[in-house]
Amino acid sequence: MHEPAFFQSIIEEEIKKISLGSSPRELYEPIRYMLALGGKRLRPSLLLMSTELFGGNTKDAISPALGIEVFHNFTLLHDDIMDKAPLRRSQETVHKKWNPDIAILSGDTMFVKSCELMMKVDDGILRKVMTLFYETATEVCEGQQLDMNFESRSSVTIDEYIHMISLKTAMLLGCSMKTGAWIANANEADANHLYDFGKNIGIAFQLHDDILDVYGDELKFGKQVGGDIIANKKLFFF
Protein backbone atom coordinates (compact mmCIF):
# COMPACT_ATOMS: atom_id res chain seq x y z
CA MET A 1 0.00 0.00 0.00
CA HIS A 2 1.46 3.33 -1.04
CA GLU A 3 1.77 6.33 1.26
CA PRO A 4 -0.61 9.31 0.76
CA ALA A 5 2.25 11.45 -0.59
CA PHE A 6 2.61 9.01 -3.51
CA PHE A 7 -0.98 9.61 -4.60
CA GLN A 8 -0.77 13.34 -3.95
CA SER A 9 2.15 13.60 -6.37
CA ILE A 10 0.17 11.69 -9.00
CA ILE A 11 -2.77 14.07 -8.64
CA GLU A 12 -0.51 17.11 -8.90
CA GLU A 13 0.85 15.88 -12.22
CA GLU A 14 -2.53 14.81 -13.59
CA ILE A 15 -4.16 18.16 -12.76
CA LYS A 16 -1.73 19.82 -15.16
CA LYS A 17 -3.04 17.57 -17.93
CA ILE A 18 -6.73 18.45 -17.53
CA SER A 19 -8.07 19.64 -20.87
CA LEU A 20 -9.48 23.16 -20.70
CA GLY A 21 -10.40 25.62 -23.42
CA SER A 22 -8.33 28.68 -24.28
CA SER A 23 -11.03 31.17 -25.31
CA PRO A 24 -12.51 33.21 -23.83
CA ARG A 25 -9.37 33.68 -21.79
CA GLU A 26 -11.26 35.31 -18.89
CA LEU A 27 -13.25 32.11 -18.40
CA TYR A 28 -10.43 29.56 -18.39
CA GLU A 29 -7.50 31.43 -16.82
CA PRO A 30 -9.20 31.65 -13.41
CA ILE A 31 -9.82 27.88 -13.51
CA ARG A 32 -6.16 27.16 -14.24
CA TYR A 33 -5.19 29.64 -11.52
CA MET A 34 -7.49 28.00 -8.95
CA LEU A 35 -6.31 24.47 -9.72
CA ALA A 36 -2.66 25.55 -9.61
CA LEU A 37 -2.95 27.00 -6.10
CA GLY A 38 -2.19 23.58 -4.69
CA GLY A 39 -3.66 22.19 -1.50
CA LYS A 40 -3.49 18.85 0.23
CA ARG A 41 -5.26 16.96 -2.60
CA LEU A 42 -6.78 14.88 0.18
CA ARG A 43 -10.02 13.84 -1.49
CA PRO A 44 -8.60 12.52 -4.77
CA SER A 45 -5.77 10.81 -2.90
CA LEU A 46 -8.28 9.02 -0.67
CA LEU A 47 -10.15 7.89 -3.77
CA LEU A 48 -6.98 6.39 -5.27
CA MET A 49 -6.00 4.81 -1.95
CA SER A 50 -9.44 3.21 -1.66
CA THR A 51 -9.10 1.71 -5.12
CA GLU A 52 -5.68 0.31 -4.30
CA LEU A 53 -6.92 -1.00 -0.94
CA PHE A 54 -9.28 -3.40 -2.72
CA GLY A 55 -6.82 -4.44 -5.40
CA GLY A 56 -8.09 -2.20 -8.16
CA ASN A 57 -6.07 -0.47 -10.86
CA THR A 58 -5.53 3.12 -9.75
CA LYS A 59 -5.19 4.21 -13.39
CA ASP A 60 -8.91 3.48 -13.72
CA ALA A 61 -9.55 5.90 -10.86
CA ILE A 62 -7.54 8.90 -12.08
CA SER A 63 -10.36 10.67 -13.93
CA PRO A 64 -12.95 10.45 -11.13
CA ALA A 65 -10.27 11.45 -8.63
CA LEU A 66 -9.64 14.56 -10.71
CA GLY A 67 -13.39 15.10 -10.94
CA ILE A 68 -13.62 15.13 -7.15
CA GLU A 69 -10.74 17.62 -6.91
CA VAL A 70 -12.15 19.95 -9.57
CA PHE A 71 -15.53 19.86 -7.85
CA HIS A 72 -13.92 20.60 -4.47
CA ASN A 73 -12.08 23.59 -5.90
CA PHE A 74 -15.27 24.82 -7.54
CA THR A 75 -16.96 24.84 -4.13
CA LEU A 76 -14.02 26.74 -2.63
CA LEU A 77 -14.14 29.32 -5.42
CA HIS A 78 -17.84 30.03 -4.84
CA ASP A 79 -17.40 29.81 -1.06
CA ASP A 80 -14.75 32.54 -1.24
CA ILE A 81 -17.19 34.80 -3.10
CA MET A 82 -19.92 34.29 -0.51
CA ASP A 83 -17.49 34.80 2.38
CA LYS A 84 -15.80 37.76 0.67
CA ALA A 85 -12.50 36.02 1.46
CA PRO A 86 -9.36 37.83 0.26
CA LEU A 87 -6.97 34.86 0.42
CA ARG A 88 -6.95 31.22 -0.60
CA ARG A 89 -3.76 29.21 -0.05
CA SER A 90 -1.88 32.46 0.60
CA GLN A 91 -2.83 33.88 -2.80
CA GLU A 92 -5.56 36.24 -3.94
CA THR A 93 -8.93 34.58 -4.32
CA VAL A 94 -10.33 34.41 -7.85
CA HIS A 95 -13.03 37.03 -7.23
CA LYS A 96 -10.39 39.44 -5.91
CA LYS A 97 -7.89 38.82 -8.71
CA TRP A 98 -10.58 39.10 -11.42
CA ASN A 99 -14.11 39.96 -10.25
CA PRO A 100 -17.12 38.13 -8.74
CA ASP A 101 -18.94 37.72 -12.07
CA ILE A 102 -15.96 36.02 -13.69
CA ALA A 103 -15.44 33.88 -10.58
CA ILE A 104 -19.06 32.67 -10.64
CA LEU A 105 -18.93 31.71 -14.31
CA SER A 106 -15.53 30.03 -14.02
CA GLY A 107 -16.86 28.09 -11.03
CA ASP A 108 -19.88 26.96 -13.03
CA THR A 109 -17.55 25.72 -15.76
CA MET A 110 -15.51 23.84 -13.18
CA PHE A 111 -18.64 22.01 -12.04
CA VAL A 112 -19.36 20.95 -15.62
CA LYS A 113 -15.77 19.73 -16.00
CA SER A 114 -16.00 17.79 -12.73
CA CYS A 115 -19.08 15.94 -14.02
CA GLU A 116 -17.28 15.14 -17.28
CA LEU A 117 -14.35 13.67 -15.37
CA MET A 118 -16.53 11.73 -12.94
CA MET A 119 -18.31 10.00 -15.83
CA LYS A 120 -15.09 8.36 -17.01
CA VAL A 121 -15.67 5.15 -15.07
CA ASP A 122 -16.68 1.69 -16.19
CA ASP A 123 -20.24 1.60 -17.54
CA GLY A 124 -21.12 -1.04 -14.96
CA ILE A 125 -20.76 1.43 -12.10
CA LEU A 126 -21.47 4.68 -13.96
CA ARG A 127 -25.05 5.14 -12.74
CA LYS A 128 -24.31 4.59 -9.05
CA VAL A 129 -21.12 6.68 -9.16
CA MET A 130 -22.94 9.64 -10.71
CA THR A 131 -25.96 9.21 -8.43
CA LEU A 132 -23.71 9.38 -5.37
CA PHE A 133 -21.78 12.31 -6.81
CA TYR A 134 -24.93 14.34 -7.55
CA GLU A 135 -26.39 13.53 -4.13
CA THR A 136 -23.13 14.64 -2.52
CA ALA A 137 -23.01 17.84 -4.59
CA THR A 138 -26.51 18.69 -3.38
CA GLU A 139 -25.54 17.95 0.23
CA VAL A 140 -22.57 20.31 -0.08
CA CYS A 141 -24.96 23.07 -1.20
CA GLU A 142 -27.31 22.27 1.68
CA GLY A 143 -24.41 22.52 4.11
CA GLN A 144 -23.31 25.84 2.65
CA GLN A 145 -26.82 27.25 3.00
CA LEU A 146 -27.03 26.10 6.62
CA ASP A 147 -23.63 27.70 7.24
CA MET A 148 -24.98 31.01 5.89
CA ASN A 149 -28.23 30.64 7.87
CA PHE A 150 -26.23 30.21 11.07
CA GLU A 151 -24.52 33.59 10.52
CA SER A 152 -27.74 35.39 11.50
CA ARG A 153 -28.34 33.28 14.61
CA SER A 154 -27.00 34.09 18.05
CA SER A 155 -26.40 30.42 18.91
CA VAL A 156 -26.21 27.03 17.23
CA THR A 157 -26.25 23.67 18.99
CA ILE A 158 -23.33 21.28 18.63
CA ASP A 159 -25.59 18.75 16.90
CA GLU A 160 -26.69 21.39 14.38
CA TYR A 161 -23.08 22.36 13.76
CA ILE A 162 -21.93 18.76 13.25
CA HIS A 163 -24.81 18.21 10.83
CA MET A 164 -23.81 21.30 8.87
CA ILE A 165 -20.13 20.39 8.53
CA SER A 166 -21.08 16.81 7.70
CA LEU A 167 -22.99 18.09 4.67
CA LYS A 168 -20.60 20.86 3.67
CA THR A 169 -17.30 19.05 4.16
CA ALA A 170 -17.48 15.43 5.31
CA MET A 171 -19.82 13.86 2.75
CA LEU A 172 -17.41 14.60 -0.10
CA LEU A 173 -14.65 12.63 1.63
CA GLY A 174 -17.06 9.75 2.11
CA CYS A 175 -18.07 9.98 -1.55
CA SER A 176 -14.40 9.91 -2.59
CA MET A 177 -13.61 6.75 -0.67
CA LYS A 178 -16.79 4.92 -1.65
CA THR A 179 -16.22 5.74 -5.33
CA GLY A 180 -12.67 4.41 -5.09
CA ALA A 181 -13.95 1.19 -3.55
CA TRP A 182 -16.56 0.76 -6.30
CA ILE A 183 -13.92 1.18 -8.99
CA ALA A 184 -12.07 -1.75 -7.40
CA ASN A 185 -15.30 -3.82 -7.33
CA ALA A 186 -15.47 -3.87 -3.54
CA ASN A 187 -18.70 -5.24 -2.09
CA GLU A 188 -21.33 -2.81 -0.82
CA ALA A 189 -20.65 -3.49 2.86
CA ASP A 190 -16.96 -2.61 2.48
CA ALA A 191 -17.77 0.41 0.30
CA ASN A 192 -20.20 1.67 2.97
CA HIS A 193 -17.59 1.19 5.69
CA LEU A 194 -15.17 3.35 3.71
CA TYR A 195 -17.88 5.97 3.20
CA ASP A 196 -18.43 6.21 6.96
CA PHE A 197 -14.69 6.32 7.57
CA GLY A 198 -14.26 9.13 5.06
CA LYS A 199 -17.17 11.07 6.56
CA ASN A 200 -15.62 10.87 10.03
CA ILE A 201 -12.27 12.03 8.66
CA GLY A 202 -14.09 15.00 7.14
CA ILE A 203 -15.73 15.97 10.42
CA ALA A 204 -12.38 15.80 12.24
CA PHE A 205 -10.72 17.79 9.45
CA GLN A 206 -13.28 20.61 9.72
CA LEU A 207 -12.99 20.79 13.50
CA HIS A 208 -9.23 21.12 13.13
CA ASP A 209 -9.71 23.78 10.44
CA ASP A 210 -11.87 25.80 12.84
CA ILE A 211 -9.04 25.85 15.36
CA LEU A 212 -6.60 27.02 12.69
CA ASP A 213 -8.99 29.80 11.68
CA VAL A 214 -8.59 31.29 15.15
CA TYR A 215 -5.07 30.33 16.17
CA GLY A 216 -3.25 29.47 12.94
CA ASP A 217 -0.31 31.21 11.30
CA GLU A 218 -1.75 33.02 8.25
CA LEU A 219 1.33 32.23 6.15
CA LYS A 220 0.97 28.50 6.88
CA PHE A 221 -2.83 28.46 7.04
CA GLY A 222 -3.10 30.15 3.65
CA LYS A 223 -6.27 32.04 4.58
CA GLN A 224 -7.16 35.11 6.60
CA VAL A 225 -6.90 34.14 10.28
CA GLY A 226 -10.14 34.95 12.06
CA GLY A 227 -11.99 35.17 8.76
CA ASP A 228 -14.79 32.90 9.93
CA ILE A 229 -15.31 34.97 13.08
CA ILE A 230 -15.35 38.20 11.06
CA ALA A 231 -18.05 36.64 8.86
CA ASN A 232 -19.98 35.61 12.02
CA LYS A 233 -19.52 31.93 11.21
CA LYS A 234 -20.42 29.52 13.96
CA LEU A 235 -17.51 27.34 15.09
CA PHE A 236 -17.54 24.29 17.34
CA PHE A 237 -15.84 26.10 20.20
CA PHE A 238 -16.94 29.69 19.53
C-alpha atoms as a PDB file:
ATOM      1  CA  MET A   1       0.000   0.000   0.000  1.00  0.00           C
ATOM      2  CA  HIS A   2       1.456   3.333  -1.039  1.00  0.00           C
ATOM      3  CA  GLU A   3       1.767   6.334   1.265  1.00  0.00           C
ATOM      4  CA  PRO A   4      -0.611   9.313   0.755  1.00  0.00           C
ATOM      5  CA  ALA A   5       2.247  11.447  -0.595  1.00  0.00           C
ATOM      6  CA  PHE A   6       2.611   9.014  -3.509  1.00  0.00           C
ATOM      7  CA  PHE A   7      -0.978   9.611  -4.604  1.00  0.00           C
ATOM      8  CA  GLN A   8      -0.771  13.340  -3.952  1.00  0.00           C
ATOM      9  CA  SER A   9       2.152  13.597  -6.370  1.00  0.00           C
ATOM     10  CA  ILE A  10       0.165  11.688  -9.002  1.00  0.00           C
ATOM     11  CA  ILE A  11      -2.770  14.070  -8.637  1.00  0.00           C
ATOM     12  CA  GLU A  12      -0.510  17.113  -8.898  1.00  0.00           C
ATOM     13  CA  GLU A  13       0.848  15.884 -12.225  1.00  0.00           C
ATOM     14  CA  GLU A  14      -2.529  14.813 -13.588  1.00  0.00           C
ATOM     15  CA  ILE A  15      -4.156  18.157 -12.757  1.00  0.00           C
ATOM     16  CA  LYS A  16      -1.729  19.818 -15.157  1.00  0.00           C
ATOM     17  CA  LYS A  17      -3.042  17.573 -17.933  1.00  0.00           C
ATOM     18  CA  ILE A  18      -6.729  18.451 -17.532  1.00  0.00           C
ATOM     19  CA  SER A  19      -8.066  19.639 -20.868  1.00  0.00           C
ATOM     20  CA  LEU A  20      -9.485  23.162 -20.695  1.00  0.00           C
ATOM     21  CA  GLY A  21     -10.401  25.616 -23.417  1.00  0.00           C
ATOM     22  CA  SER A  22      -8.334  28.678 -24.277  1.00  0.00           C
ATOM     23  CA  SER A  23     -11.028  31.165 -25.307  1.00  0.00           C
ATOM     24  CA  PRO A  24     -12.507  33.213 -23.832  1.00  0.00           C
ATOM     25  CA  ARG A  25      -9.372  33.684 -21.791  1.00  0.00           C
ATOM     26  CA  GLU A  26     -11.255  35.314 -18.894  1.00  0.00           C
ATOM     27  CA  LEU A  27     -13.254  32.107 -18.398  1.00  0.00           C
ATOM     28  CA  TYR A  28     -10.431  29.564 -18.390  1.00  0.00           C
ATOM     29  CA  GLU A  29      -7.496  31.426 -16.825  1.00  0.00           C
ATOM     30  CA  PRO A  30      -9.205  31.649 -13.411  1.00  0.00           C
ATOM     31  CA  ILE A  31      -9.819  27.883 -13.510  1.00  0.00           C
ATOM     32  CA  ARG A  32      -6.156  27.162 -14.236  1.00  0.00           C
ATOM     33  CA  TYR A  33      -5.188  29.639 -11.520  1.00  0.00           C
ATOM     34  CA  MET A  34      -7.486  28.005  -8.951  1.00  0.00           C
ATOM     35  CA  LEU A  35      -6.312  24.473  -9.718  1.00  0.00           C
ATOM     36  CA  ALA A  36      -2.660  25.553  -9.612  1.00  0.00           C
ATOM     37  CA  LEU A  37      -2.948  27.005  -6.100  1.00  0.00           C
ATOM     38  CA  GLY A  38      -2.190  23.576  -4.690  1.00  0.00           C
ATOM     39  CA  GLY A  39      -3.662  22.187  -1.501  1.00  0.00           C
ATOM     40  CA  LYS A  40      -3.492  18.848   0.227  1.00  0.00           C
ATOM     41  CA  ARG A  41      -5.263  16.963  -2.605  1.00  0.00           C
ATOM     42  CA  LEU A  42      -6.781  14.879   0.185  1.00  0.00           C
ATOM     43  CA  ARG A  43     -10.024  13.842  -1.493  1.00  0.00           C
ATOM     44  CA  PRO A  44      -8.601  12.519  -4.771  1.00  0.00           C
ATOM     45  CA  SER A  45      -5.770  10.814  -2.898  1.00  0.00           C
ATOM     46  CA  LEU A  46      -8.280   9.021  -0.669  1.00  0.00           C
ATOM     47  CA  LEU A  47     -10.154   7.891  -3.771  1.00  0.00           C
ATOM     48  CA  LEU A  48      -6.984   6.395  -5.271  1.00  0.00           C
ATOM     49  CA  MET A  49      -6.004   4.811  -1.954  1.00  0.00           C
ATOM     50  CA  SER A  50      -9.441   3.208  -1.655  1.00  0.00           C
ATOM     51  CA  THR A  51      -9.104   1.715  -5.123  1.00  0.00           C
ATOM     52  CA  GLU A  52      -5.677   0.312  -4.296  1.00  0.00           C
ATOM     53  CA  LEU A  53      -6.921  -0.999  -0.940  1.00  0.00           C
ATOM     54  CA  PHE A  54      -9.282  -3.403  -2.715  1.00  0.00           C
ATOM     55  CA  GLY A  55      -6.818  -4.444  -5.396  1.00  0.00           C
ATOM     56  CA  GLY A  56      -8.090  -2.197  -8.162  1.00  0.00           C
ATOM     57  CA  ASN A  57      -6.072  -0.473 -10.858  1.00  0.00           C
ATOM     58  CA  THR A  58      -5.535   3.124  -9.754  1.00  0.00           C
ATOM     59  CA  LYS A  59      -5.189   4.212 -13.391  1.00  0.00           C
ATOM     60  CA  ASP A  60      -8.911   3.484 -13.724  1.00  0.00           C
ATOM     61  CA  ALA A  61      -9.552   5.897 -10.857  1.00  0.00           C
ATOM     62  CA  ILE A  62      -7.539   8.897 -12.080  1.00  0.00           C
ATOM     63  CA  SER A  63     -10.363  10.670 -13.934  1.00  0.00           C
ATOM     64  CA  PRO A  64     -12.950  10.448 -11.133  1.00  0.00           C
ATOM     65  CA  ALA A  65     -10.265  11.447  -8.633  1.00  0.00           C
ATOM     66  CA  LEU A  66      -9.636  14.563 -10.714  1.00  0.00           C
ATOM     67  CA  GLY A  67     -13.389  15.105 -10.936  1.00  0.00           C
ATOM     68  CA  ILE A  68     -13.618  15.129  -7.146  1.00  0.00           C
ATOM     69  CA  GLU A  69     -10.737  17.620  -6.906  1.00  0.00           C
ATOM     70  CA  VAL A  70     -12.147  19.946  -9.573  1.00  0.00           C
ATOM     71  CA  PHE A  71     -15.525  19.864  -7.847  1.00  0.00           C
ATOM     72  CA  HIS A  72     -13.917  20.599  -4.470  1.00  0.00           C
ATOM     73  CA  ASN A  73     -12.077  23.588  -5.900  1.00  0.00           C
ATOM     74  CA  PHE A  74     -15.268  24.815  -7.542  1.00  0.00           C
ATOM     75  CA  THR A  75     -16.955  24.844  -4.127  1.00  0.00           C
ATOM     76  CA  LEU A  76     -14.018  26.738  -2.632  1.00  0.00           C
ATOM     77  CA  LEU A  77     -14.141  29.317  -5.420  1.00  0.00           C
ATOM     78  CA  HIS A  78     -17.841  30.027  -4.840  1.00  0.00           C
ATOM     79  CA  ASP A  79     -17.405  29.809  -1.059  1.00  0.00           C
ATOM     80  CA  ASP A  80     -14.750  32.541  -1.239  1.00  0.00           C
ATOM     81  CA  ILE A  81     -17.192  34.799  -3.095  1.00  0.00           C
ATOM     82  CA  MET A  82     -19.925  34.295  -0.508  1.00  0.00           C
ATOM     83  CA  ASP A  83     -17.486  34.801   2.380  1.00  0.00           C
ATOM     84  CA  LYS A  84     -15.800  37.765   0.672  1.00  0.00           C
ATOM     85  CA  ALA A  85     -12.501  36.020   1.460  1.00  0.00           C
ATOM     86  CA  PRO A  86      -9.362  37.827   0.265  1.00  0.00           C
ATOM     87  CA  LEU A  87      -6.968  34.865   0.422  1.00  0.00           C
ATOM     88  CA  ARG A  88      -6.953  31.221  -0.603  1.00  0.00           C
ATOM     89  CA  ARG A  89      -3.762  29.210  -0.046  1.00  0.00           C
ATOM     90  CA  SER A  90      -1.879  32.459   0.604  1.00  0.00           C
ATOM     91  CA  GLN A  91      -2.830  33.877  -2.800  1.00  0.00           C
ATOM     92  CA  GLU A  92      -5.561  36.237  -3.941  1.00  0.00           C
ATOM     93  CA  THR A  93      -8.933  34.580  -4.321  1.00  0.00           C
ATOM     94  CA  VAL A  94     -10.328  34.414  -7.855  1.00  0.00           C
ATOM     95  CA  HIS A  95     -13.027  37.027  -7.228  1.00  0.00           C
ATOM     96  CA  LYS A  96     -10.389  39.443  -5.913  1.00  0.00           C
ATOM     97  CA  LYS A  97      -7.891  38.819  -8.708  1.00  0.00           C
ATOM     98  CA  TRP A  98     -10.578  39.102 -11.418  1.00  0.00           C
ATOM     99  CA  ASN A  99     -14.113  39.957 -10.255  1.00  0.00           C
ATOM    100  CA  PRO A 100     -17.116  38.129  -8.738  1.00  0.00           C
ATOM    101  CA  ASP A 101     -18.940  37.716 -12.073  1.00  0.00           C
ATOM    102  CA  ILE A 102     -15.960  36.017 -13.687  1.00  0.00           C
ATOM    103  CA  ALA A 103     -15.442  33.878 -10.579  1.00  0.00           C
ATOM    104  CA  ILE A 104     -19.064  32.673 -10.643  1.00  0.00           C
ATOM    105  CA  LEU A 105     -18.926  31.710 -14.310  1.00  0.00           C
ATOM    106  CA  SER A 106     -15.532  30.029 -14.018  1.00  0.00           C
ATOM    107  CA  GLY A 107     -16.858  28.090 -11.032  1.00  0.00           C
ATOM    108  CA  ASP A 108     -19.883  26.958 -13.030  1.00  0.00           C
ATOM    109  CA  THR A 109     -17.545  25.717 -15.756  1.00  0.00           C
ATOM    110  CA  MET A 110     -15.511  23.837 -13.175  1.00  0.00           C
ATOM    111  CA  PHE A 111     -18.639  22.014 -12.038  1.00  0.00           C
ATOM    112  CA  VAL A 112     -19.360  20.949 -15.620  1.00  0.00           C
ATOM    113  CA  LYS A 113     -15.772  19.726 -16.001  1.00  0.00           C
ATOM    114  CA  SER A 114     -16.003  17.787 -12.730  1.00  0.00           C
ATOM    115  CA  CYS A 115     -19.077  15.940 -14.025  1.00  0.00           C
ATOM    116  CA  GLU A 116     -17.283  15.143 -17.282  1.00  0.00           C
ATOM    117  CA  LEU A 117     -14.350  13.667 -15.373  1.00  0.00           C
ATOM    118  CA  MET A 118     -16.534  11.726 -12.941  1.00  0.00           C
ATOM    119  CA  MET A 119     -18.309  10.004 -15.835  1.00  0.00           C
ATOM    120  CA  LYS A 120     -15.089   8.358 -17.013  1.00  0.00           C
ATOM    121  CA  VAL A 121     -15.670   5.154 -15.071  1.00  0.00           C
ATOM    122  CA  ASP A 122     -16.681   1.688 -16.194  1.00  0.00           C
ATOM    123  CA  ASP A 123     -20.244   1.605 -17.536  1.00  0.00           C
ATOM    124  CA  GLY A 124     -21.124  -1.044 -14.960  1.00  0.00           C
ATOM    125  CA  ILE A 125     -20.759   1.431 -12.097  1.00  0.00           C
ATOM    126  CA  LEU A 126     -21.473   4.679 -13.956  1.00  0.00           C
ATOM    127  CA  ARG A 127     -25.047   5.142 -12.740  1.00  0.00           C
ATOM    128  CA  LYS A 128     -24.308   4.588  -9.048  1.00  0.00           C
ATOM    129  CA  VAL A 129     -21.124   6.680  -9.163  1.00  0.00           C
ATOM    130  CA  MET A 130     -22.938   9.638 -10.707  1.00  0.00           C
ATOM    131  CA  THR A 131     -25.963   9.212  -8.434  1.00  0.00           C
ATOM    132  CA  LEU A 132     -23.712   9.377  -5.368  1.00  0.00           C
ATOM    133  CA  PHE A 133     -21.777  12.309  -6.815  1.00  0.00           C
ATOM    134  CA  TYR A 134     -24.928  14.343  -7.546  1.00  0.00           C
ATOM    135  CA  GLU A 135     -26.386  13.529  -4.132  1.00  0.00           C
ATOM    136  CA  THR A 136     -23.129  14.642  -2.518  1.00  0.00           C
ATOM    137  CA  ALA A 137     -23.009  17.842  -4.586  1.00  0.00           C
ATOM    138  CA  THR A 138     -26.515  18.688  -3.383  1.00  0.00           C
ATOM    139  CA  GLU A 139     -25.538  17.952   0.228  1.00  0.00           C
ATOM    140  CA  VAL A 140     -22.566  20.314  -0.077  1.00  0.00           C
ATOM    141  CA  CYS A 141     -24.960  23.066  -1.200  1.00  0.00           C
ATOM    142  CA  GLU A 142     -27.312  22.270   1.679  1.00  0.00           C
ATOM    143  CA  GLY A 143     -24.411  22.518   4.112  1.00  0.00           C
ATOM    144  CA  GLN A 144     -23.305  25.838   2.654  1.00  0.00           C
ATOM    145  CA  GLN A 145     -26.821  27.252   2.998  1.00  0.00           C
ATOM    146  CA  LEU A 146     -27.027  26.098   6.620  1.00  0.00           C
ATOM    147  CA  ASP A 147     -23.630  27.704   7.244  1.00  0.00           C
ATOM    148  CA  MET A 148     -24.978  31.007   5.891  1.00  0.00           C
ATOM    149  CA  ASN A 149     -28.225  30.642   7.867  1.00  0.00           C
ATOM    150  CA  PHE A 150     -26.227  30.213  11.070  1.00  0.00           C
ATOM    151  CA  GLU A 151     -24.524  33.587  10.521  1.00  0.00           C
ATOM    152  CA  SER A 152     -27.735  35.392  11.499  1.00  0.00           C
ATOM    153  CA  ARG A 153     -28.335  33.278  14.607  1.00  0.00           C
ATOM    154  CA  SER A 154     -26.999  34.091  18.047  1.00  0.00           C
ATOM    155  CA  SER A 155     -26.399  30.423  18.907  1.00  0.00           C
ATOM    156  CA  VAL A 156     -26.209  27.032  17.231  1.00  0.00           C
ATOM    157  CA  THR A 157     -26.252  23.666  18.990  1.00  0.00           C
ATOM    158  CA  ILE A 158     -23.330  21.278  18.632  1.00  0.00           C
ATOM    159  CA  ASP A 159     -25.591  18.752  16.897  1.00  0.00           C
ATOM    160  CA  GLU A 160     -26.687  21.395  14.378  1.00  0.00           C
ATOM    161  CA  TYR A 161     -23.083  22.365  13.757  1.00  0.00           C
ATOM    162  CA  ILE A 162     -21.928  18.759  13.249  1.00  0.00           C
ATOM    163  CA  HIS A 163     -24.808  18.207  10.831  1.00  0.00           C
ATOM    164  CA  MET A 164     -23.812  21.304   8.869  1.00  0.00           C
ATOM    165  CA  ILE A 165     -20.131  20.388   8.528  1.00  0.00           C
ATOM    166  CA  SER A 166     -21.082  16.805   7.699  1.00  0.00           C
ATOM    167  CA  LEU A 167     -22.985  18.091   4.673  1.00  0.00           C
ATOM    168  CA  LYS A 168     -20.599  20.865   3.673  1.00  0.00           C
ATOM    169  CA  THR A 169     -17.299  19.047   4.163  1.00  0.00           C
ATOM    170  CA  ALA A 170     -17.483  15.432   5.311  1.00  0.00           C
ATOM    171  CA  MET A 171     -19.823  13.862   2.752  1.00  0.00           C
ATOM    172  CA  LEU A 172     -17.406  14.595  -0.098  1.00  0.00           C
ATOM    173  CA  LEU A 173     -14.648  12.627   1.628  1.00  0.00           C
ATOM    174  CA  GLY A 174     -17.060   9.745   2.113  1.00  0.00           C
ATOM    175  CA  CYS A 175     -18.065   9.977  -1.548  1.00  0.00           C
ATOM    176  CA  SER A 176     -14.401   9.914  -2.589  1.00  0.00           C
ATOM    177  CA  MET A 177     -13.610   6.749  -0.668  1.00  0.00           C
ATOM    178  CA  LYS A 178     -16.792   4.921  -1.655  1.00  0.00           C
ATOM    179  CA  THR A 179     -16.218   5.740  -5.328  1.00  0.00           C
ATOM    180  CA  GLY A 180     -12.669   4.406  -5.094  1.00  0.00           C
ATOM    181  CA  ALA A 181     -13.950   1.191  -3.553  1.00  0.00           C
ATOM    182  CA  TRP A 182     -16.563   0.757  -6.297  1.00  0.00           C
ATOM    183  CA  ILE A 183     -13.918   1.177  -8.988  1.00  0.00           C
ATOM    184  CA  ALA A 184     -12.071  -1.754  -7.404  1.00  0.00           C
ATOM    185  CA  ASN A 185     -15.299  -3.821  -7.331  1.00  0.00           C
ATOM    186  CA  ALA A 186     -15.471  -3.873  -3.538  1.00  0.00           C
ATOM    187  CA  ASN A 187     -18.704  -5.236  -2.085  1.00  0.00           C
ATOM    188  CA  GLU A 188     -21.333  -2.805  -0.819  1.00  0.00           C
ATOM    189  CA  ALA A 189     -20.652  -3.487   2.857  1.00  0.00           C
ATOM    190  CA  ASP A 190     -16.964  -2.613   2.478  1.00  0.00           C
ATOM    191  CA  ALA A 191     -17.769   0.412   0.297  1.00  0.00           C
ATOM    192  CA  ASN A 192     -20.196   1.667   2.965  1.00  0.00           C
ATOM    193  CA  HIS A 193     -17.587   1.191   5.687  1.00  0.00           C
ATOM    194  CA  LEU A 194     -15.170   3.351   3.710  1.00  0.00           C
ATOM    195  CA  TYR A 195     -17.884   5.968   3.203  1.00  0.00           C
ATOM    196  CA  ASP A 196     -18.431   6.207   6.958  1.00  0.00           C
ATOM    197  CA  PHE A 197     -14.689   6.320   7.573  1.00  0.00           C
ATOM    198  CA  GLY A 198     -14.259   9.134   5.063  1.00  0.00           C
ATOM    199  CA  LYS A 199     -17.166  11.066   6.558  1.00  0.00           C
ATOM    200  CA  ASN A 200     -15.616  10.869  10.035  1.00  0.00           C
ATOM    201  CA  ILE A 201     -12.269  12.034   8.661  1.00  0.00           C
ATOM    202  CA  GLY A 202     -14.088  14.997   7.140  1.00  0.00           C
ATOM    203  CA  ILE A 203     -15.730  15.970  10.424  1.00  0.00           C
ATOM    204  CA  ALA A 204     -12.382  15.798  12.241  1.00  0.00           C
ATOM    205  CA  PHE A 205     -10.725  17.791   9.449  1.00  0.00           C
ATOM    206  CA  GLN A 206     -13.282  20.609   9.718  1.00  0.00           C
ATOM    207  CA  LEU A 207     -12.992  20.785  13.503  1.00  0.00           C
ATOM    208  CA  HIS A 208      -9.231  21.116  13.127  1.00  0.00           C
ATOM    209  CA  ASP A 209      -9.709  23.783  10.438  1.00  0.00           C
ATOM    210  CA  ASP A 210     -11.872  25.796  12.839  1.00  0.00           C
ATOM    211  CA  ILE A 211      -9.042  25.853  15.364  1.00  0.00           C
ATOM    212  CA  LEU A 212      -6.603  27.017  12.690  1.00  0.00           C
ATOM    213  CA  ASP A 213      -8.991  29.804  11.678  1.00  0.00           C
ATOM    214  CA  VAL A 214      -8.588  31.294  15.152  1.00  0.00           C
ATOM    215  CA  TYR A 215      -5.066  30.335  16.169  1.00  0.00           C
ATOM    216  CA  GLY A 216      -3.247  29.474  12.939  1.00  0.00           C
ATOM    217  CA  ASP A 217      -0.311  31.210  11.298  1.00  0.00           C
ATOM    218  CA  GLU A 218      -1.749  33.021   8.252  1.00  0.00           C
ATOM    219  CA  LEU A 219       1.331  32.226   6.154  1.00  0.00           C
ATOM    220  CA  LYS A 220       0.974  28.504   6.884  1.00  0.00           C
ATOM    221  CA  PHE A 221      -2.832  28.457   7.037  1.00  0.00           C
ATOM    222  CA  GLY A 222      -3.104  30.148   3.647  1.00  0.00           C
ATOM    223  CA  LYS A 223      -6.272  32.042   4.581  1.00  0.00           C
ATOM    224  CA  GLN A 224      -7.157  35.113   6.601  1.00  0.00           C
ATOM    225  CA  VAL A 225      -6.895  34.144  10.276  1.00  0.00           C
ATOM    226  CA  GLY A 226     -10.140  34.952  12.062  1.00  0.00           C
ATOM    227  CA  GLY A 227     -11.985  35.173   8.756  1.00  0.00           C
ATOM    228  CA  ASP A 228     -14.790  32.903   9.933  1.00  0.00           C
ATOM    229  CA  ILE A 229     -15.308  34.966  13.076  1.00  0.00           C
ATOM    230  CA  ILE A 230     -15.347  38.196  11.060  1.00  0.00           C
ATOM    231  CA  ALA A 231     -18.052  36.644   8.863  1.00  0.00           C
ATOM    232  CA  ASN A 232     -19.977  35.610  12.019  1.00  0.00           C
ATOM    233  CA  LYS A 233     -19.517  31.928  11.206  1.00  0.00           C
ATOM    234  CA  LYS A 234     -20.419  29.521  13.956  1.00  0.00           C
ATOM    235  CA  LEU A 235     -17.514  27.343  15.093  1.00  0.00           C
ATOM    236  CA  PHE A 236     -17.538  24.285  17.344  1.00  0.00           C
ATOM    237  CA  PHE A 237     -15.838  26.097  20.204  1.00  0.00           C
ATOM    238  CA  PHE A 238     -16.940  29.691  19.530  1.00  0.00           C
END
